[in-house]
């Protein structure tokens, strides 16, 4: 069932970058950068879970199983075998890795998700900090507390 769904989704085209990226910064993005940003902030760029993490989590679950030690060992052997056959894949193409590195290294912009929808918003760092400072200094909305309330929360 999942294989059929995956085959259907595999043929889908990516959405147009202009629809999913709102650039409010002064920076002009290349087509490759816009393409990476249009994937959204929840896009997995790491390429999946590391085998060690997966095996550690699986071992905990196997120990909780209510079956014989032989069946537990058989499950371990199957899982290790399946991981050995798994190809290391990355969710980004080589053409997308370089623009992503450039975006990560740019300290003059903030890349955020919008409050509503799936849009990625890009702001100049100075504009973002100025707006945040203005909001925090609004004494009609916020008040200064003379102590740290964190421990009570």
Protein backbone atom coordinates (compact mmCIF):
# COMPACT_ATOMS: atom_id res chain seq x y z
CA UNK A 1 0.00 0.00 0.00
CA UNK A 2 2.76 2.45 0.91
CA UNK A 3 4.71 1.45 -2.20
CA UNK A 4 1.78 2.47 -4.39
CA UNK A 5 1.44 5.80 -2.59
CA UNK A 6 5.18 6.45 -2.93
CA UNK A 7 5.10 5.70 -6.67
CA UNK A 8 2.22 8.14 -7.10
CA UNK A 9 3.99 10.86 -5.11
CA UNK A 10 7.31 10.30 -6.85
CA UNK A 11 5.85 11.62 -10.10
CA UNK A 12 4.65 14.87 -8.50
CA UNK A 13 6.46 18.06 -9.34
CA UNK A 14 7.79 20.41 -6.68
CA UNK A 15 5.70 23.54 -6.07
CA UNK A 16 6.79 26.82 -7.62
CA UNK A 17 9.27 28.54 -5.25
CA UNK A 18 7.46 31.90 -5.40
CA UNK A 19 4.41 30.41 -3.77
CA UNK A 20 6.22 28.94 -0.77
CA UNK A 21 8.95 31.52 -0.15
CA UNK A 22 8.28 35.11 0.90
CA UNK A 23 11.49 37.13 0.64
CA UNK A 24 11.24 40.28 2.78
CA UNK A 25 15.00 40.70 2.91
CA UNK A 26 17.24 42.75 0.66
CA UNK A 27 19.02 39.61 -0.55
CA UNK A 28 18.28 38.30 -4.02
CA UNK A 29 18.14 34.51 -4.16
CA UNK A 30 19.38 32.34 -6.98
CA UNK A 31 17.02 29.82 -8.51
CA UNK A 32 18.80 27.01 -6.64
CA UNK A 33 18.46 28.83 -3.29
CA UNK A 34 14.77 29.47 -3.91
CA UNK A 35 14.31 25.82 -4.78
CA UNK A 36 15.90 24.68 -1.51
CA UNK A 37 13.87 27.19 0.50
CA UNK A 38 10.64 26.11 -1.21
CA UNK A 39 11.06 22.62 0.25
CA UNK A 40 10.15 24.14 3.61
CA UNK A 41 11.81 24.26 7.00
CA UNK A 42 10.63 20.77 7.96
CA UNK A 43 12.39 19.16 5.00
CA UNK A 44 14.87 16.49 6.12
CA UNK A 45 18.24 17.47 4.68
CA UNK A 46 20.21 14.88 6.67
CA UNK A 47 18.99 11.90 4.68
CA UNK A 48 17.41 9.84 7.41
CA UNK A 49 18.29 8.31 10.75
CA UNK A 50 21.79 7.09 11.49
CA UNK A 51 22.07 3.31 11.80
CA UNK A 52 23.50 3.52 15.34
CA UNK A 53 20.55 5.56 16.60
CA UNK A 54 18.10 3.22 14.91
CA UNK A 55 19.78 0.11 16.33
CA UNK A 56 19.84 1.58 19.86
CA UNK A 57 16.12 2.39 19.72
CA UNK A 58 15.35 -1.01 18.23
CA UNK A 59 17.33 -2.83 20.92
CA UNK A 60 15.21 -1.18 23.61
CA UNK A 61 12.05 -2.36 21.87
CA UNK A 62 13.39 -5.89 21.34
CA UNK A 63 14.16 -6.18 25.06
CA UNK A 64 10.54 -5.27 25.82
CA UNK A 65 9.20 -8.05 23.55
CA UNK A 66 7.52 -10.97 25.27
CA UNK A 67 9.04 -13.82 23.30
CA UNK A 68 11.91 -16.25 23.56
CA UNK A 69 15.56 -15.21 23.41
CA UNK A 70 15.91 -17.06 20.10
CA UNK A 71 13.09 -15.01 18.56
CA UNK A 72 14.65 -11.80 19.87
CA UNK A 73 18.00 -12.77 18.35
CA UNK A 74 16.27 -13.59 15.05
CA UNK A 75 14.71 -10.10 15.05
CA UNK A 76 18.14 -8.53 15.66
CA UNK A 77 19.68 -10.49 12.77
CA UNK A 78 16.91 -9.45 10.37
CA UNK A 79 17.16 -5.78 11.34
CA UNK A 80 20.95 -5.67 11.00
CA UNK A 81 20.67 -7.43 7.63
CA UNK A 82 18.09 -4.95 6.38
CA UNK A 83 20.22 -2.00 7.48
CA UNK A 84 23.21 -3.50 5.71
CA UNK A 85 21.27 -3.62 2.43
CA UNK A 86 19.99 -0.06 2.83
CA UNK A 87 21.70 2.49 0.63
CA UNK A 88 22.72 5.74 2.23
CA UNK A 89 20.58 8.27 0.45
CA UNK A 90 20.40 12.00 0.78
CA UNK A 91 17.24 13.96 0.26
CA UNK A 92 19.11 16.79 -1.46
CA UNK A 93 20.84 16.63 -4.80
CA UNK A 94 24.43 17.79 -5.12
CA UNK A 95 23.13 20.93 -6.88
CA UNK A 96 21.08 21.77 -3.75
CA UNK A 97 23.80 21.16 -1.14
CA UNK A 98 25.93 24.18 -2.10
CA UNK A 99 23.08 26.75 -2.00
CA UNK A 100 21.96 25.34 1.35
CA UNK A 101 25.45 25.83 2.78
CA UNK A 102 25.42 29.42 1.53
CA UNK A 103 22.07 30.10 3.16
CA UNK A 104 23.21 28.58 6.46
CA UNK A 105 26.36 30.68 6.47
CA UNK A 106 24.59 33.98 5.81
CA UNK A 107 24.34 35.74 9.18
CA UNK A 108 22.58 38.81 7.77
CA UNK A 109 19.23 37.07 7.25
CA UNK A 110 16.76 35.06 9.30
CA UNK A 111 14.84 32.21 7.69
CA UNK A 112 11.59 31.49 9.53
CA UNK A 113 8.29 29.74 8.99
CA UNK A 114 5.19 31.89 8.70
CA UNK A 115 2.57 31.84 11.44
CA UNK A 116 0.01 30.30 9.11
CA UNK A 117 0.47 28.13 6.10
CA UNK A 118 3.63 26.44 4.93
CA UNK A 119 5.41 29.53 3.66
CA UNK A 120 9.07 30.16 4.43
CA UNK A 121 9.80 33.81 5.24
CA UNK A 122 13.21 35.44 4.84
CA UNK A 123 13.94 38.67 6.75
CA UNK A 124 16.94 40.92 7.20
CA UNK A 125 18.46 40.32 10.64
CA UNK A 126 18.31 44.04 11.54
CA UNK A 127 14.61 44.28 10.58
CA UNK A 128 13.75 41.19 12.63
CA UNK A 129 15.64 42.41 15.70
CA UNK A 130 14.15 45.92 15.42
CA UNK A 131 10.62 44.51 15.24
CA UNK A 132 11.22 42.14 18.17
CA UNK A 133 12.65 44.96 20.28
CA UNK A 134 9.69 47.20 19.43
CA UNK A 135 7.24 44.48 20.45
CA UNK A 136 9.04 43.73 23.73
CA UNK A 137 9.15 47.41 24.70
CA UNK A 138 5.38 47.75 24.27
CA UNK A 139 4.30 48.30 27.90
CA UNK A 140 0.60 47.97 26.96
CA UNK A 141 1.21 44.32 26.08
CA UNK A 142 4.16 43.26 28.26
CA UNK A 143 5.27 44.15 31.76
CA UNK A 144 8.66 43.85 33.39
CA UNK A 145 8.71 41.33 36.24
CA UNK A 146 11.22 41.88 39.07
CA UNK A 147 12.10 38.17 39.33
CA UNK A 148 12.66 35.14 37.10
CA UNK A 149 9.29 33.29 36.88
CA UNK A 150 10.78 30.29 35.06
CA UNK A 151 10.91 28.03 38.12
CA UNK A 152 7.18 28.53 38.74
CA UNK A 153 6.34 27.59 35.16
